[in-house]
Every structure is written in structure tokens, then in C-alpha cells.
Amino acid sequence: MPFSKGLCLKVVLFAFVFLQLQTVYAKSSREGVPVGELTPREIEKRLQECPVVQNLNDYKHASENSTSSWTSQIFTVLFPSANPAVNALLATLYISGPPNFLLALCPPNIDPASLSIMVAFAVGGILGDTLFHLLPEIFLGEEAEGRARFVMVEPNRNLLLGVAIMLGFMTFVAMDKGLRIATGGAGGHDHSHSHEPTSSGVTTSIESKDTTSLRSRKAEKAANGNVQEIEKKPSDNPSIRLSAYLNLIADFTHNITDGLAMSSSFYASPTTGAITTMAVFFHEIPHEVGDFALLIQSGFSKKAAMMSQFVTALGAFLGTAIGIAVQEYGGNSSGGERFGVGIMGTSLQWGDLLLPFTAGTFLYVGTVAVIPEMLETGSDKRKEFGKMIKEFTAIAAGAGIMLAISWS
């Protein structure tokens, strides 16, 4: 059976990896440095001195495309700094500013349910970023440009990364559950943005229409002198106002995790940061519009709703600042630390746990927060089937964009 050039290259790589490690061990022994005290960076440096690895580097360099892609050129313009902290702050500005300024163009009576297609597109982007880029980056790292890169497998390290992913997921579960308890089961911080709470105080869209028509009839009767009634505004209902304020708190917390995503992704690599920024940006537009509509329905004026959204956007900058501090002072495994001196005897540092924590929160947003509503159907089979096709097409489009950008 004929072998492809790529398969032969992989066979050669794995056949000589032990030889290269033996060379590193022999060299470190000659220099009086035990292998266990070498840092990952030192091991990588010595591996690059091996003849077989140098041949692999030459082959990779010759096969790489010398011209950068158009996405790389755009990312370079948007994130020009070599400092990951500066790029993380720029990314936070991008995901917080434009979506909030777009609220000025939104009509006060916008129906959050009309955002379902946009939400599906955003979910595809977030799941695509998580599955195609973040998770491979977390466990394998970023590809080295112009040279072969080796991955040292640490089972306990991988276990801790999985724990961090689960912790991020369960953090959003706890936040959503706590909000539902606080509102008496009125529905938590709904990332699907339908915002149709139940009988605890917030009216559904159908009830709102009925109430509006009833008020118009009462107002007409009052004009004819038949009846005099004082309309009760939504803001007069304490339960509605409580739900709105609790949603703002949850939105602020959610934005903190977005800021953590910005800092952790840019400290991982510029490409990871840029792609994560794009995925979060797509999600923030329907997210902000949906929360804006909820505040309007809860009795906020348009100006008050916009100002509230700007205040919650500050949570993203707070999260970015926290993430930068953790990365700078907590360290990461690429900073030159030796094996076995990190968290629980692994090479992991505290900064390495932010990216898997972010991936866990993204998994929650892309699945638990949206999929249940997508599974709900009405009695009109033709209409529901058409809606399903549109939503799945939007998810595929969002995920496809992430795949195209990540593809090398």
C-alpha cells in the first residue's frame, strides 16, 4: 500500500522522538544538569539542535506559504501590539463598545424572539471557537511557525485542565441556578435572549399584546366618559423590576468572564486571542440587544436601559484586568518554569487555568443556555421546520467561519 509524504513524515517523527530525548538526556548529563530540572523551553531548545528535527524544520519551512492570509493581515491591524495585555484591552474595547452603541439604533419595542437566527449564528461561532481552537490550544498548544514543535504529555496536567473546564461550566450553572432561585423560578440569565419569563411577574409576549390592546380599549372608553381607570405601568410591579436588576447583575458577571476570555486567549497566542474576540463579538450583539429589550419591557426608559448596559460592560474590563494580573503574577507554563514545580506537581501555573475555565463557560453558553429553547416546537409543523432549517444554517455558518479562520 503506497504511503503519502505526510504519513511518512509522521512515521519518521515518532520513530526518532525517543532518539532525540536520549540526545537531550546525554547532553544534559554531560553538562551536569538533570533532565528533571530542565524547563520546557530548554528541552525545546535542545531538541531543535538534533539533526532530524532540523531536517523537519527545513521541510516545514519550505512547505509553508510565504504570504500571510487576509485574516492574519486584518488581525495585525486590529491588534498591532506585541504585548498581549495591550491586545487584550483592545479586544475588550471591541466587544464592549460597538454592540452597546448599536442599541441607539434599536427601537424600544423590539421583540427579542426575532433575534433567534442571530443567536444561532453566534452559538455556532462560540462552539466553533471552543471546539476548533480553544480545546486544541489548551491541550496541545499553538503551532510553532517555521519549525517542528514537540508536546510533552503529562497525564496529571491534562486532568487539571479538564477540571478547569468543568469548573468554568459549573460556574455558569451555579450563576444561572442562583438567579432562578432569586427570581422565584422566573428563568435565569437567558443567553438565548427570548426573555419570556413566567408567572412570577414578567409577562410573556402574548400577555403583553393582550395587555396593550386592553389598555387601548380602556383609554378609548375613558375618552368617551364611560370609564376612568389608571393604567398600571410595568415598573409598578416590584417582581419585574427585581428580575431586571438581577439580570443586570448576571450580565455584569457574564461580562467579567468575557474579559477573562480576552486576557487568557491573547496570553496563549495572538491567533487564539483574535479568533476568540471575533466569536465573543458575534455573541455580544444579540446578547446586548436581548438584555436591552428586557429592560425596556421592565419599565426602563431607552436612555436608562442604554446607560445600564454601558455600566455592565465595565465588567468586561474588570475581567480583563483580573486576567492580566493572574497571567503576569501567577505565571504560565511557557514562562520557563521547571517540570514538577507547578500546581500539584505538574508544569501548570495559575495563568494556564484561565483559558480552560473560559472554554467551560463557552460550552455552557453554546449548549445549555440555548439548545433547550431550540428544541421547543409549536403546533405549526411547516413553520417550525422552516425555523429549524434557518437556525441550523446559521449555526453552520458561524462554526464554518471559525473553522475557515483556524484552518492553516
Protein backbone atom coordinates (compact mmCIF):
# COMPACT_ATOMS: atom_id res chain seq x y z
CA MET A 1 0.00 0.00 0.00
CA PRO A 2 1.56 3.35 -1.02
CA PHE A 3 2.32 5.87 1.73
CA SER A 4 1.78 9.60 1.39
CA LYS A 5 4.58 12.02 2.10
CA GLY A 6 2.73 13.37 5.15
CA LEU A 7 2.32 9.88 6.63
CA CYS A 8 5.98 9.09 6.09
CA LEU A 9 6.88 12.35 7.81
CA LYS A 10 4.80 11.38 10.87
CA VAL A 11 6.41 7.92 10.98
CA VAL A 12 9.86 9.48 10.89
CA LEU A 13 8.87 11.96 13.59
CA PHE A 14 7.64 9.34 16.05
CA ALA A 15 10.46 6.92 15.22
CA PHE A 16 13.13 9.42 16.17
CA VAL A 17 11.45 11.19 19.08
CA PHE A 18 12.99 8.82 21.62
CA LEU A 19 16.36 9.22 19.96
CA GLN A 20 16.09 12.97 20.34
CA LEU A 21 15.12 12.69 24.00
CA GLN A 22 18.09 10.40 24.58
CA THR A 23 20.31 13.00 22.93
CA VAL A 24 18.90 15.68 25.22
CA TYR A 25 19.45 13.44 28.23
CA ALA A 26 23.02 12.67 27.23
CA LYS A 27 23.81 16.33 26.63
CA SER A 28 22.24 17.39 29.93
CA SER A 29 24.19 14.67 31.72
CA ARG A 30 27.42 15.91 30.18
CA GLU A 31 26.63 19.42 31.34
CA GLY A 32 25.74 18.19 34.82
CA VAL A 33 22.07 19.26 34.60
CA PRO A 34 19.48 16.56 35.48
CA VAL A 35 16.69 16.22 32.92
CA GLY A 36 14.08 16.78 35.63
CA GLU A 37 15.44 20.28 36.22
CA LEU A 38 15.24 21.36 32.59
CA THR A 39 12.47 23.81 31.75
CA PRO A 40 10.13 23.12 28.80
CA ARG A 41 11.82 25.96 26.94
CA GLU A 42 15.28 24.41 27.50
CA ILE A 43 14.08 20.98 26.37
CA GLU A 44 12.58 22.50 23.24
CA LYS A 45 15.80 24.40 22.53
CA ARG A 46 17.91 21.27 22.78
CA LEU A 47 15.53 19.26 20.66
CA GLN A 48 15.94 21.86 17.94
CA GLU A 49 19.68 21.09 17.88
CA CYS A 50 19.05 17.48 16.79
CA PRO A 51 19.78 16.81 13.08
CA VAL A 52 16.46 15.06 12.40
CA VAL A 53 14.49 17.94 13.94
CA GLN A 54 16.48 20.42 11.89
CA ASN A 55 15.58 18.48 8.74
CA LEU A 56 11.93 18.59 9.77
CA ASN A 57 12.22 22.34 10.28
CA ASP A 58 13.68 22.77 6.80
CA TYR A 59 10.87 20.70 5.29
CA LYS A 60 8.19 22.64 7.17
CA HIS A 61 9.72 25.99 6.27
CA ALA A 62 9.85 25.02 2.58
CA SER A 63 6.23 23.81 2.54
CA GLU A 64 4.74 26.82 4.33
CA ASN A 65 3.00 29.58 2.41
CA SER A 66 5.20 32.66 2.43
CA THR A 67 2.27 35.08 2.09
CA SER A 68 0.07 35.74 5.10
CA SER A 69 -3.68 35.25 4.80
CA TRP A 70 -6.11 38.15 4.64
CA THR A 71 -7.41 37.27 8.10
CA SER A 72 -3.89 37.50 9.53
CA GLN A 73 -3.46 40.90 7.94
CA ILE A 74 -6.74 42.12 9.44
CA PHE A 75 -5.82 40.77 12.87
CA THR A 76 -2.45 42.54 12.65
CA VAL A 77 -4.20 45.85 12.04
CA LEU A 78 -6.72 45.34 14.84
CA PHE A 79 -4.13 44.09 17.34
CA PRO A 80 -0.83 45.78 16.44
CA SER A 81 0.94 45.46 19.79
CA ALA A 82 3.40 42.71 20.69
CA ASN A 83 2.20 42.99 24.30
CA PRO A 84 -0.67 40.54 25.00
CA ALA A 85 -2.03 42.79 27.76
CA VAL A 86 -2.47 45.72 25.34
CA ASN A 87 -4.13 43.49 22.73
CA ALA A 88 -6.46 42.05 25.40
CA LEU A 89 -7.58 45.56 26.38
CA LEU A 90 -8.14 46.46 22.71
CA ALA A 91 -10.20 43.29 22.26
CA THR A 92 -12.31 44.16 25.31
CA LEU A 93 -12.98 47.58 23.80
CA TYR A 94 -14.05 45.95 20.53
CA ILE A 95 -16.51 43.53 22.15
CA SER A 96 -17.96 46.12 24.56
CA GLY A 97 -18.16 49.36 22.59
CA PRO A 98 -19.83 48.68 19.20
CA PRO A 99 -22.56 46.30 20.48
CA ASN A 100 -23.62 48.87 23.08
CA PHE A 101 -23.57 51.78 20.63
CA LEU A 102 -25.82 49.74 18.32
CA LEU A 103 -28.52 49.94 20.99
CA ALA A 104 -29.13 53.55 19.96
CA LEU A 105 -30.45 52.21 16.64
CA CYS A 106 -32.75 49.64 18.25
CA PRO A 107 -36.45 50.51 18.55
CA PRO A 108 -37.78 50.33 22.12
CA ASN A 109 -40.43 47.77 21.15
CA ILE A 110 -38.02 45.26 19.59
CA ASP A 111 -39.07 41.64 20.02
CA PRO A 112 -36.21 39.56 21.50
CA ALA A 113 -37.63 36.44 19.83
CA SER A 114 -36.75 37.97 16.45
CA LEU A 115 -33.06 37.54 17.34
CA SER A 116 -33.21 33.72 17.21
CA ILE A 117 -31.32 33.46 13.90
CA MET A 118 -28.62 35.87 15.07
CA VAL A 119 -28.32 33.96 18.34
CA ALA A 120 -27.95 30.69 16.43
CA PHE A 121 -25.16 32.24 14.33
CA ALA A 122 -23.40 33.44 17.49
CA VAL A 123 -23.73 29.99 19.09
CA GLY A 124 -22.11 28.41 16.04
CA GLY A 125 -19.25 30.88 16.38
CA ILE A 126 -18.72 30.23 20.08
CA LEU A 127 -18.91 26.44 19.76
CA GLY A 128 -16.64 26.59 16.71
CA ASP A 129 -14.08 28.68 18.56
CA THR A 130 -14.22 26.34 21.56
CA LEU A 131 -14.05 23.02 19.69
CA PHE A 132 -11.82 24.01 16.76
CA HIS A 133 -9.36 26.30 18.51
CA LEU A 134 -9.56 26.67 22.29
CA LEU A 135 -9.58 22.99 23.26
CA PRO A 136 -6.73 22.02 20.89
CA GLU A 137 -4.81 25.06 22.13
CA ILE A 138 -5.39 24.08 25.77
CA PHE A 139 -4.11 20.51 25.46
CA LEU A 140 -1.59 20.76 22.60
CA GLY A 141 -0.60 24.40 22.38
CA GLU A 142 -0.13 26.65 19.36
CA GLU A 143 1.75 25.60 16.25
CA ALA A 144 5.29 26.97 16.06
CA GLU A 145 5.91 28.99 12.93
CA GLY A 146 8.76 27.75 10.76
CA ARG A 147 9.78 24.81 12.94
CA ALA A 148 8.56 21.49 14.31
CA ARG A 149 7.14 21.56 17.81
CA PHE A 150 7.05 18.72 20.34
CA VAL A 151 4.44 18.20 23.06
CA MET A 152 5.42 16.70 26.41
CA VAL A 153 2.45 14.64 27.63
CA GLU A 154 1.65 14.98 31.35
CA PRO A 155 -1.44 12.96 32.36
CA ASN A 156 -1.96 14.87 35.60
CA ARG A 157 -1.62 18.16 33.76
CA ASN A 158 -4.36 17.15 31.34
CA LEU A 159 -6.58 16.13 34.27
CA LEU A 160 -6.19 19.55 35.88
CA LEU A 161 -7.02 21.25 32.59
CA GLY A 162 -10.19 19.15 32.42
CA VAL A 163 -11.06 20.18 35.98
CA ALA A 164 -10.68 23.84 34.99
CA ILE A 165 -13.02 23.33 32.01
CA MET A 166 -15.61 21.69 34.25
CA LEU A 167 -15.21 24.46 36.83
CA GLY A 168 -15.96 27.10 34.20
CA PHE A 169 -19.02 25.17 33.05
CA MET A 170 -20.36 24.66 36.58
CA THR A 171 -19.73 28.31 37.48
CA PHE A 172 -22.30 29.35 34.90
CA VAL A 173 -24.65 26.58 36.05
CA ALA A 174 -24.44 27.92 39.62
CA MET A 175 -24.91 31.52 38.48
CA ASP A 176 -27.96 30.63 36.39
CA LYS A 177 -29.45 28.46 39.14
CA GLY A 178 -28.91 31.17 41.75
CA LEU A 179 -30.64 33.75 39.60
CA ARG A 180 -33.61 31.45 39.05
CA ILE A 181 -33.91 30.93 42.80
CA ALA A 182 -33.68 34.68 43.44
CA THR A 183 -36.45 35.41 40.93
CA GLY A 184 -38.69 32.62 42.16
CA GLY A 185 -38.12 30.41 39.13
CA ALA A 186 -38.69 33.16 36.58
CA GLY A 187 -35.84 31.99 34.39
CA GLY A 188 -32.20 32.81 34.81
CA HIS A 189 -29.83 34.91 32.78
CA ASP A 190 -31.08 33.61 29.45
CA HIS A 191 -28.36 33.65 26.79
CA SER A 192 -30.95 32.68 24.21
CA HIS A 193 -32.42 36.15 24.68
CA SER A 194 -36.04 35.16 24.27
CA HIS A 195 -36.68 36.70 27.70
CA GLU A 196 -40.16 35.33 28.18
CA PRO A 197 -40.38 34.90 31.96
CA THR A 198 -43.30 33.15 33.54
CA SER A 199 -45.95 33.96 36.07
CA SER A 200 -43.59 35.33 38.70
CA GLY A 201 -44.14 38.80 37.41
CA VAL A 202 -42.70 39.35 33.93
CA THR A 203 -45.32 39.00 31.23
CA THR A 204 -44.85 36.95 28.10
CA SER A 205 -45.04 38.48 24.64
CA ILE A 206 -48.61 37.18 24.18
CA GLU A 207 -49.68 38.64 27.51
CA SER A 208 -48.04 41.94 26.59
CA LYS A 209 -50.07 42.14 23.39
CA ASP A 210 -53.28 41.38 25.27
CA THR A 211 -52.47 43.96 27.92
CA THR A 212 -51.71 46.58 25.28
CA SER A 213 -55.00 46.03 23.48
CA LEU A 214 -56.88 46.07 26.79
CA ARG A 215 -55.30 49.37 27.75
CA SER A 216 -56.17 50.89 24.39
CA ARG A 217 -59.81 49.88 24.83
CA LYS A 218 -59.85 51.29 28.36
CA ALA A 219 -58.29 54.51 27.16
CA GLU A 220 -60.91 54.80 24.41
CA LYS A 221 -63.72 54.28 26.93
CA ALA A 222 -62.18 56.85 29.19
CA ALA A 223 -62.13 59.36 26.35
CA ASN A 224 -65.86 58.79 25.86
CA GLY A 225 -66.56 59.27 29.55
CA ASN A 226 -67.57 55.68 30.12
CA VAL A 227 -64.81 54.61 32.48
CA GLN A 228 -61.91 56.19 34.31
CA GLU A 229 -59.04 53.85 35.13
CA ILE A 230 -55.42 54.39 35.94
CA GLU A 231 -53.11 52.19 33.91
CA LYS A 232 -50.58 50.24 35.82
CA LYS A 233 -47.10 50.54 34.31
CA PRO A 234 -44.73 47.59 34.21
CA SER A 235 -42.40 49.44 36.56
CA ASP A 236 -45.13 49.38 39.21
CA ASN A 237 -44.62 45.62 39.59
CA PRO A 238 -41.74 45.02 42.06
CA SER A 239 -41.16 41.49 40.76
CA ILE A 240 -40.49 42.76 37.23
CA ARG A 241 -38.05 45.39 38.47
CA LEU A 242 -36.28 42.82 40.64
CA SER A 243 -35.87 40.49 37.67
CA ALA A 244 -34.41 43.35 35.63
CA TYR A 245 -31.88 44.32 38.30
CA LEU A 246 -30.87 40.72 38.91
CA ASN A 247 -30.40 40.29 35.17
CA LEU A 248 -28.07 43.31 35.17
CA ILE A 249 -26.01 41.70 37.94
CA ALA A 250 -25.82 38.47 35.97
CA ASP A 251 -24.90 40.41 32.83
CA PHE A 252 -22.09 42.15 34.72
CA THR A 253 -20.78 38.77 35.90
CA HIS A 254 -21.06 37.32 32.40
CA ASN A 255 -19.03 40.26 31.04
CA ILE A 256 -16.31 39.55 33.62
CA THR A 257 -15.90 36.08 32.10
CA ASP A 258 -15.72 37.68 28.65
CA GLY A 259 -12.85 39.83 29.92
CA LEU A 260 -11.12 36.74 31.32
CA ALA A 261 -11.51 35.16 27.88
CA MET A 262 -9.81 38.12 26.23
CA SER A 263 -6.80 38.10 28.54
CA SER A 264 -6.30 34.32 28.67
CA SER A 265 -6.62 33.87 24.90
CA PHE A 266 -4.13 36.60 23.99
CA TYR A 267 -1.62 35.31 26.51
CA ALA A 268 -1.98 31.90 24.86
CA SER A 269 -1.25 33.27 21.37
CA PRO A 270 -2.22 36.25 19.16
CA THR A 271 -4.20 34.00 16.81
CA THR A 272 -6.21 32.44 19.65
CA GLY A 273 -6.95 35.89 21.03
CA ALA A 274 -8.11 37.30 17.69
CA ILE A 275 -10.39 34.34 16.92
CA THR A 276 -11.88 34.37 20.42
CA THR A 277 -12.52 38.10 20.11
CA MET A 278 -14.46 37.52 16.89
CA ALA A 279 -16.56 34.74 18.46
CA VAL A 280 -17.40 36.83 21.54
CA PHE A 281 -18.22 39.86 19.38
CA PHE A 282 -20.77 37.86 17.37
CA HIS A 283 -22.33 36.70 20.62
CA GLU A 284 -22.41 40.12 22.27
CA ILE A 285 -24.64 41.78 19.65
CA PRO A 286 -27.78 39.64 20.23
CA HIS A 287 -26.85 39.37 23.91
CA GLU A 288 -26.88 43.15 24.44
CA VAL A 289 -29.97 43.70 22.29
CA GLY A 290 -31.86 40.98 24.16
CA ASP A 291 -30.97 42.42 27.57
CA PHE A 292 -31.86 45.89 26.30
CA ALA A 293 -35.32 44.66 25.26
CA LEU A 294 -35.82 43.04 28.68
CA LEU A 295 -35.02 46.32 30.45
CA ILE A 296 -37.47 48.22 28.22
CA GLN A 297 -40.17 45.64 28.99
CA SER A 298 -39.40 46.06 32.69
CA GLY A 299 -40.21 49.77 32.62
CA PHE A 300 -36.78 51.30 31.90
CA SER A 301 -36.62 54.23 29.51
CA LYS A 302 -34.46 53.79 26.42
CA LYS A 303 -31.80 56.09 27.84
CA ALA A 304 -31.79 54.34 31.22
CA ALA A 305 -31.58 50.92 29.55
CA MET A 306 -28.61 52.03 27.42
CA MET A 307 -26.81 53.51 30.43
CA SER A 308 -27.38 50.30 32.39
CA GLN A 309 -25.87 48.26 29.57
CA PHE A 310 -22.82 50.53 29.46
CA VAL A 311 -22.33 50.05 33.21
CA THR A 312 -22.48 46.26 32.88
CA ALA A 313 -19.96 46.49 30.03
CA LEU A 314 -17.40 47.69 32.58
CA GLY A 315 -17.42 44.14 33.91
CA ALA A 316 -15.53 43.05 30.79
CA PHE A 317 -12.70 45.49 31.55
CA LEU A 318 -12.64 44.30 35.15
CA GLY A 319 -12.37 40.69 33.98
CA THR A 320 -9.59 41.61 31.55
CA ALA A 321 -7.66 43.38 34.31
CA ILE A 322 -8.05 40.35 36.60
CA GLY A 323 -6.90 38.02 33.83
CA ILE A 324 -3.84 40.16 33.06
CA ALA A 325 -2.90 40.25 36.75
CA VAL A 326 -3.20 36.45 37.02
CA GLN A 327 -1.10 35.94 33.90
CA GLU A 328 1.58 38.41 34.94
CA TYR A 329 1.89 37.40 38.59
CA GLY A 330 0.56 33.83 38.53
CA GLY A 331 2.81 32.77 35.66
CA ASN A 332 2.23 30.26 32.88
CA SER A 333 3.97 27.13 31.67
CA SER A 334 5.66 28.97 28.80
CA GLY A 335 7.46 31.25 31.23
CA GLY A 336 10.38 28.90 31.79
CA GLU A 337 9.37 27.06 34.95
CA ARG A 338 10.72 23.54 35.56
CA PHE A 339 8.55 20.44 35.41
CA GLY A 340 7.12 19.39 38.73
CA VAL A 341 7.23 22.80 40.43
CA GLY A 342 3.80 23.97 39.29
CA ILE A 343 0.30 23.21 40.55
CA MET A 344 0.14 19.81 42.30
CA GLY A 345 3.50 18.71 40.92
CA THR A 346 2.75 19.48 37.26
CA SER A 347 4.14 22.13 34.93
CA LEU A 348 0.86 24.08 35.14
CA GLN A 349 0.86 27.59 36.55
CA TRP A 350 -2.22 29.52 37.65
CA GLY A 351 -2.30 31.52 34.45
CA ASP A 352 -2.67 28.31 32.43
CA LEU A 353 -6.08 27.63 34.02
CA LEU A 354 -7.82 30.76 32.70
CA LEU A 355 -8.17 29.53 29.12
CA PRO A 356 -9.77 26.17 30.04
CA PHE A 357 -12.05 27.98 32.50
CA THR A 358 -13.12 30.23 29.62
CA ALA A 359 -13.71 27.20 27.39
CA GLY A 360 -16.03 25.75 30.03
CA THR A 361 -18.11 28.93 30.16
CA PHE A 362 -18.30 28.97 26.35
CA LEU A 363 -19.54 25.38 26.34
CA TYR A 364 -22.34 26.36 28.72
CA VAL A 365 -23.34 29.40 26.67
CA GLY A 366 -23.34 27.40 23.44
CA THR A 367 -25.27 24.40 24.75
CA VAL A 368 -27.26 24.57 27.99
CA ALA A 369 -28.23 28.22 27.60
CA VAL A 370 -29.57 27.90 24.05
CA ILE A 371 -30.19 24.30 22.97
CA PRO A 372 -33.25 23.72 25.25
CA GLU A 373 -35.12 26.57 23.60
CA MET A 374 -34.14 25.36 20.13
CA LEU A 375 -35.71 22.00 20.97
CA GLU A 376 -39.06 23.60 21.79
CA THR A 377 -41.60 23.39 18.97
CA GLY A 378 -45.04 24.76 18.24
CA SER A 379 -48.09 23.22 16.63
CA ASP A 380 -47.38 24.60 13.13
CA LYS A 381 -45.12 21.88 11.71
CA ARG A 382 -44.29 23.72 8.48
CA LYS A 383 -43.31 26.89 10.31
CA GLU A 384 -41.25 25.01 12.91
CA PHE A 385 -39.43 23.00 10.25
CA GLY A 386 -38.55 26.18 8.37
CA LYS A 387 -37.32 27.78 11.58
CA MET A 388 -35.18 24.73 12.34
CA ILE A 389 -33.55 24.88 8.89
CA LYS A 390 -32.72 28.58 9.37
CA GLU A 391 -31.27 28.03 12.84
CA PHE A 392 -29.12 25.08 11.77
CA THR A 393 -27.92 27.01 8.73
CA ALA A 394 -26.96 29.94 10.97
CA ILE A 395 -25.11 27.63 13.39
CA ALA A 396 -23.24 26.02 10.48
CA ALA A 397 -22.33 29.44 9.11
CA GLY A 398 -20.95 30.62 12.46
CA ALA A 399 -18.98 27.43 13.02
CA GLY A 400 -17.80 27.42 9.40
CA ILE A 401 -16.30 30.89 9.77
CA MET A 402 -14.39 29.78 12.86
CA LEU A 403 -13.18 26.66 11.04
CA ALA A 404 -12.05 28.66 7.99
CA ILE A 405 -10.10 31.10 10.14
CA SER A 406 -8.46 28.33 12.19
CA TRP A 407 -7.57 26.25 9.12
CA SER A 408 -3.93 26.58 8.08
